[in-house]
Amino acid sequence: MKFFLRHLELFLTAAGLLVIFSVTALVHPSGTSPWTVAAVTAIAVGVIHGVLFWLVRQRQRQVRQAALAEAQRMLRDVVINQLAVIRLGLDLHGTSLNTNRTAIARLDEAVAAINLALHDVSEESLARWRAKYEPATLQR
């Protein structure tokens, strides 16, 4: 089944060509050229292919968005838990109250920035990240 889904476009194209040739060979209305039958059939097959490809693409987009949302929840949970551990460590091992408060304030700002970034995870934000950082990694 995975092989079929992986190559769905090829199978649908082959099936469409088979339908076009079969209908052209089997249907001979009087006074109509076989090319006319083939053209009408090809248009119908093209419309059906377009609708099917659109439906498949919509489904793929939904699956990607669900996967991103799940990854977003997982990352948020991991990051918030680890930052809570860091904050607890600051609370327990701080040398002075003012230094501790400053560190906690910075940590809270970092948590807010991380939450904002995690909330913004999407295909578009990934594309922006790639555009920003991939050129730098390619230069290495």
C-alpha atoms as a PDB file:
ATOM      1  CA  MET A   1       0.000   0.000   0.000  1.00  0.00           C
ATOM      2  CA  LYS A   2       2.876   2.401   0.814  1.00  0.00           C
ATOM      3  CA  PHE A   3       4.382   1.741  -2.625  1.00  0.00           C
ATOM      4  CA  PHE A   4       1.035   2.644  -4.253  1.00  0.00           C
ATOM      5  CA  LEU A   5       0.682   5.849  -2.211  1.00  0.00           C
ATOM      6  CA  ARG A   6       4.312   6.803  -2.803  1.00  0.00           C
ATOM      7  CA  HIS A   7       3.775   6.581  -6.573  1.00  0.00           C
ATOM      8  CA  LEU A   8       0.098   7.603  -6.698  1.00  0.00           C
ATOM      9  CA  GLU A   9       0.616  10.163  -9.459  1.00  0.00           C
ATOM     10  CA  LEU A  10       2.170   7.569 -11.770  1.00  0.00           C
ATOM     11  CA  PHE A  11      -0.616   5.049 -11.175  1.00  0.00           C
ATOM     12  CA  LEU A  12      -3.316   7.668 -11.741  1.00  0.00           C
ATOM     13  CA  THR A  13      -1.622   8.851 -14.926  1.00  0.00           C
ATOM     14  CA  ALA A  14      -1.379   5.275 -16.243  1.00  0.00           C
ATOM     15  CA  ALA A  15      -5.013   4.643 -15.328  1.00  0.00           C
ATOM     16  CA  GLY A  16      -6.033   7.887 -17.048  1.00  0.00           C
ATOM     17  CA  LEU A  17      -4.221   6.934 -20.243  1.00  0.00           C
ATOM     18  CA  LEU A  18      -5.803   3.478 -20.122  1.00  0.00           C
ATOM     19  CA  VAL A  19      -9.261   5.065 -19.763  1.00  0.00           C
ATOM     20  CA  ILE A  20      -8.611   7.463 -22.662  1.00  0.00           C
ATOM     21  CA  PHE A  21      -7.462   4.678 -25.009  1.00  0.00           C
ATOM     22  CA  SER A  22     -10.213   2.285 -23.874  1.00  0.00           C
ATOM     23  CA  VAL A  23     -13.037   4.780 -24.282  1.00  0.00           C
ATOM     24  CA  THR A  24     -11.674   5.880 -27.662  1.00  0.00           C
ATOM     25  CA  ALA A  25     -11.482   2.249 -28.819  1.00  0.00           C
ATOM     26  CA  LEU A  26     -14.909   1.235 -27.461  1.00  0.00           C
ATOM     27  CA  VAL A  27     -17.043   4.308 -28.208  1.00  0.00           C
ATOM     28  CA  HIS A  28     -17.650   5.161 -31.883  1.00  0.00           C
ATOM     29  CA  PRO A  29     -20.621   7.495 -32.209  1.00  0.00           C
ATOM     30  CA  SER A  30     -21.590   7.861 -35.820  1.00  0.00           C
ATOM     31  CA  GLY A  31     -20.212  10.967 -37.463  1.00  0.00           C
ATOM     32  CA  THR A  32     -17.729  11.589 -34.635  1.00  0.00           C
ATOM     33  CA  SER A  33     -13.978  11.366 -35.053  1.00  0.00           C
ATOM     34  CA  PRO A  34     -12.075   9.096 -32.647  1.00  0.00           C
ATOM     35  CA  TRP A  35      -9.918  12.147 -31.863  1.00  0.00           C
ATOM     36  CA  THR A  36     -12.970  14.011 -30.610  1.00  0.00           C
ATOM     37  CA  VAL A  37     -13.842  11.102 -28.314  1.00  0.00           C
ATOM     38  CA  ALA A  38     -10.224  10.968 -27.097  1.00  0.00           C
ATOM     39  CA  ALA A  39     -10.157  14.738 -26.482  1.00  0.00           C
ATOM     40  CA  VAL A  40     -13.421  14.750 -24.500  1.00  0.00           C
ATOM     41  CA  THR A  41     -12.260  11.740 -22.499  1.00  0.00           C
ATOM     42  CA  ALA A  42      -8.858  13.351 -21.856  1.00  0.00           C
ATOM     43  CA  ILE A  43     -10.556  16.516 -20.583  1.00  0.00           C
ATOM     44  CA  ALA A  44     -12.729  14.464 -18.219  1.00  0.00           C
ATOM     45  CA  VAL A  45      -9.695  12.486 -17.010  1.00  0.00           C
ATOM     46  CA  GLY A  46      -7.752  15.735 -16.518  1.00  0.00           C
ATOM     47  CA  VAL A  47     -10.521  17.239 -14.412  1.00  0.00           C
ATOM     48  CA  ILE A  48     -10.785  14.075 -12.299  1.00  0.00           C
ATOM     49  CA  HIS A  49      -6.980  14.005 -11.867  1.00  0.00           C
ATOM     50  CA  GLY A  50      -6.976  17.635 -10.821  1.00  0.00           C
ATOM     51  CA  VAL A  51      -9.641  17.050  -8.187  1.00  0.00           C
ATOM     52  CA  LEU A  52      -7.901  13.909  -6.891  1.00  0.00           C
ATOM     53  CA  PHE A  53      -4.490  15.617  -6.706  1.00  0.00           C
ATOM     54  CA  TRP A  54      -6.048  18.576  -4.909  1.00  0.00           C
ATOM     55  CA  LEU A  55      -7.727  16.251  -2.385  1.00  0.00           C
ATOM     56  CA  VAL A  56      -4.477  14.357  -1.801  1.00  0.00           C
ATOM     57  CA  ARG A  57      -2.565  17.606  -1.331  1.00  0.00           C
ATOM     58  CA  GLN A  58      -5.163  18.913   1.117  1.00  0.00           C
ATOM     59  CA  ARG A  59      -4.897  15.683   3.114  1.00  0.00           C
ATOM     60  CA  GLN A  60      -1.092  15.890   3.120  1.00  0.00           C
ATOM     61  CA  ARG A  61      -1.305  19.479   4.360  1.00  0.00           C
ATOM     62  CA  GLN A  62      -3.645  18.398   7.183  1.00  0.00           C
ATOM     63  CA  VAL A  63      -1.293  15.573   8.175  1.00  0.00           C
ATOM     64  CA  ARG A  64       1.720  17.945   8.177  1.00  0.00           C
ATOM     65  CA  GLN A  65      -0.158  20.510  10.257  1.00  0.00           C
ATOM     66  CA  ALA A  66      -1.211  17.829  12.760  1.00  0.00           C
ATOM     67  CA  ALA A  67       2.382  16.569  12.987  1.00  0.00           C
ATOM     68  CA  LEU A  68       3.668  20.106  13.519  1.00  0.00           C
ATOM     69  CA  ALA A  69       1.056  20.728  16.215  1.00  0.00           C
ATOM     70  CA  GLU A  70       2.027  17.522  17.995  1.00  0.00           C
ATOM     71  CA  ALA A  71       5.729  18.376  17.787  1.00  0.00           C
ATOM     72  CA  GLN A  72       4.919  21.850  19.063  1.00  0.00           C
ATOM     73  CA  ARG A  73       3.108  20.421  22.115  1.00  0.00           C
ATOM     74  CA  MET A  74       5.943  17.990  22.801  1.00  0.00           C
ATOM     75  CA  LEU A  75       8.642  20.660  22.525  1.00  0.00           C
ATOM     76  CA  ARG A  76       6.680  23.086  24.672  1.00  0.00           C
ATOM     77  CA  ASP A  77       6.307  20.437  27.379  1.00  0.00           C
ATOM     78  CA  VAL A  78      10.003  19.480  27.289  1.00  0.00           C
ATOM     79  CA  VAL A  79      11.256  23.072  27.242  1.00  0.00           C
ATOM     80  CA  ILE A  80       8.940  24.283  29.996  1.00  0.00           C
ATOM     81  CA  ASN A  81       9.817  21.306  32.197  1.00  0.00           C
ATOM     82  CA  GLN A  82      13.551  21.835  31.719  1.00  0.00           C
ATOM     83  CA  LEU A  83      13.259  25.583  32.319  1.00  0.00           C
ATOM     84  CA  ALA A  84      11.315  24.861  35.501  1.00  0.00           C
ATOM     85  CA  VAL A  85      14.222  22.702  36.663  1.00  0.00           C
ATOM     86  CA  ILE A  86      16.662  25.540  35.883  1.00  0.00           C
ATOM     87  CA  ARG A  87      14.490  28.050  37.711  1.00  0.00           C
ATOM     88  CA  LEU A  88      14.243  25.767  40.725  1.00  0.00           C
ATOM     89  CA  GLY A  89      18.026  25.475  40.700  1.00  0.00           C
ATOM     90  CA  LEU A  90      18.332  29.260  40.628  1.00  0.00           C
ATOM     91  CA  ASP A  91      15.891  29.539  43.522  1.00  0.00           C
ATOM     92  CA  LEU A  92      17.819  26.991  45.596  1.00  0.00           C
ATOM     93  CA  HIS A  93      21.400  28.027  44.765  1.00  0.00           C
ATOM     94  CA  GLY A  94      21.190  31.793  44.269  1.00  0.00           C
ATOM     95  CA  THR A  95      23.908  33.751  46.020  1.00  0.00           C
ATOM     96  CA  SER A  96      22.029  36.973  46.583  1.00  0.00           C
ATOM     97  CA  LEU A  97      18.374  37.812  46.324  1.00  0.00           C
ATOM     98  CA  ASN A  98      18.926  40.618  43.761  1.00  0.00           C
ATOM     99  CA  THR A  99      21.133  38.470  41.523  1.00  0.00           C
ATOM    100  CA  ASN A 100      18.617  35.671  41.804  1.00  0.00           C
ATOM    101  CA  ARG A 101      15.713  37.950  40.866  1.00  0.00           C
ATOM    102  CA  THR A 102      17.627  39.281  37.864  1.00  0.00           C
ATOM    103  CA  ALA A 103      18.418  35.757  36.702  1.00  0.00           C
ATOM    104  CA  ILE A 104      14.807  34.684  37.199  1.00  0.00           C
ATOM    105  CA  ALA A 105      13.582  37.730  35.247  1.00  0.00           C
ATOM    106  CA  ARG A 106      15.935  36.847  32.369  1.00  0.00           C
ATOM    107  CA  LEU A 107      14.798  33.260  32.546  1.00  0.00           C
ATOM    108  CA  ASP A 108      11.150  34.348  32.413  1.00  0.00           C
ATOM    109  CA  GLU A 109      11.930  36.455  29.326  1.00  0.00           C
ATOM    110  CA  ALA A 110      13.618  33.447  27.735  1.00  0.00           C
ATOM    111  CA  VAL A 111      10.604  31.260  28.544  1.00  0.00           C
ATOM    112  CA  ALA A 112       8.276  33.834  26.973  1.00  0.00           C
ATOM    113  CA  ALA A 113      10.447  33.999  23.834  1.00  0.00           C
ATOM    114  CA  ILE A 114      10.584  30.215  23.595  1.00  0.00           C
ATOM    115  CA  ASN A 115       6.806  29.945  24.046  1.00  0.00           C
ATOM    116  CA  LEU A 116       6.291  32.522  21.309  1.00  0.00           C
ATOM    117  CA  ALA A 117       8.626  30.615  18.973  1.00  0.00           C
ATOM    118  CA  LEU A 118       6.943  27.295  19.760  1.00  0.00           C
ATOM    119  CA  HIS A 119       3.501  28.790  19.178  1.00  0.00           C
ATOM    120  CA  ASP A 120       4.658  30.069  15.768  1.00  0.00           C
ATOM    121  CA  VAL A 121       5.848  26.674  14.468  1.00  0.00           C
ATOM    122  CA  SER A 122       4.422  26.260  10.963  1.00  0.00           C
ATOM    123  CA  GLU A 123       5.536  25.446   7.457  1.00  0.00           C
ATOM    124  CA  GLU A 124       5.973  29.164   6.825  1.00  0.00           C
ATOM    125  CA  SER A 125       8.101  29.738   9.944  1.00  0.00           C
ATOM    126  CA  LEU A 126      10.248  26.729   9.010  1.00  0.00           C
ATOM    127  CA  ALA A 127      10.749  28.210   5.529  1.00  0.00           C
ATOM    128  CA  ARG A 128      11.767  31.565   7.072  1.00  0.00           C
ATOM    129  CA  TRP A 129      14.211  29.772   9.397  1.00  0.00           C
ATOM    130  CA  ARG A 130      15.713  27.814   6.493  1.00  0.00           C
ATOM    131  CA  ALA A 131      16.105  30.983   4.421  1.00  0.00           C
ATOM    132  CA  LYS A 132      17.856  32.679   7.320  1.00  0.00           C
ATOM    133  CA  TYR A 133      20.179  29.888   8.459  1.00  0.00           C
ATOM    134  CA  GLU A 134      20.785  27.552   5.517  1.00  0.00           C
ATOM    135  CA  PRO A 135      23.015  29.974   3.596  1.00  0.00           C
ATOM    136  CA  ALA A 136      25.258  30.183   6.669  1.00  0.00           C
ATOM    137  CA  THR A 137      25.481  26.401   6.989  1.00  0.00           C
ATOM    138  CA  LEU A 138      26.251  26.009   3.284  1.00  0.00           C
ATOM    139  CA  GLN A 139      29.262  28.333   3.568  1.00  0.00           C
ATOM    140  CA  ARG A 140      31.029  26.115   6.124  1.00  0.00           C
END
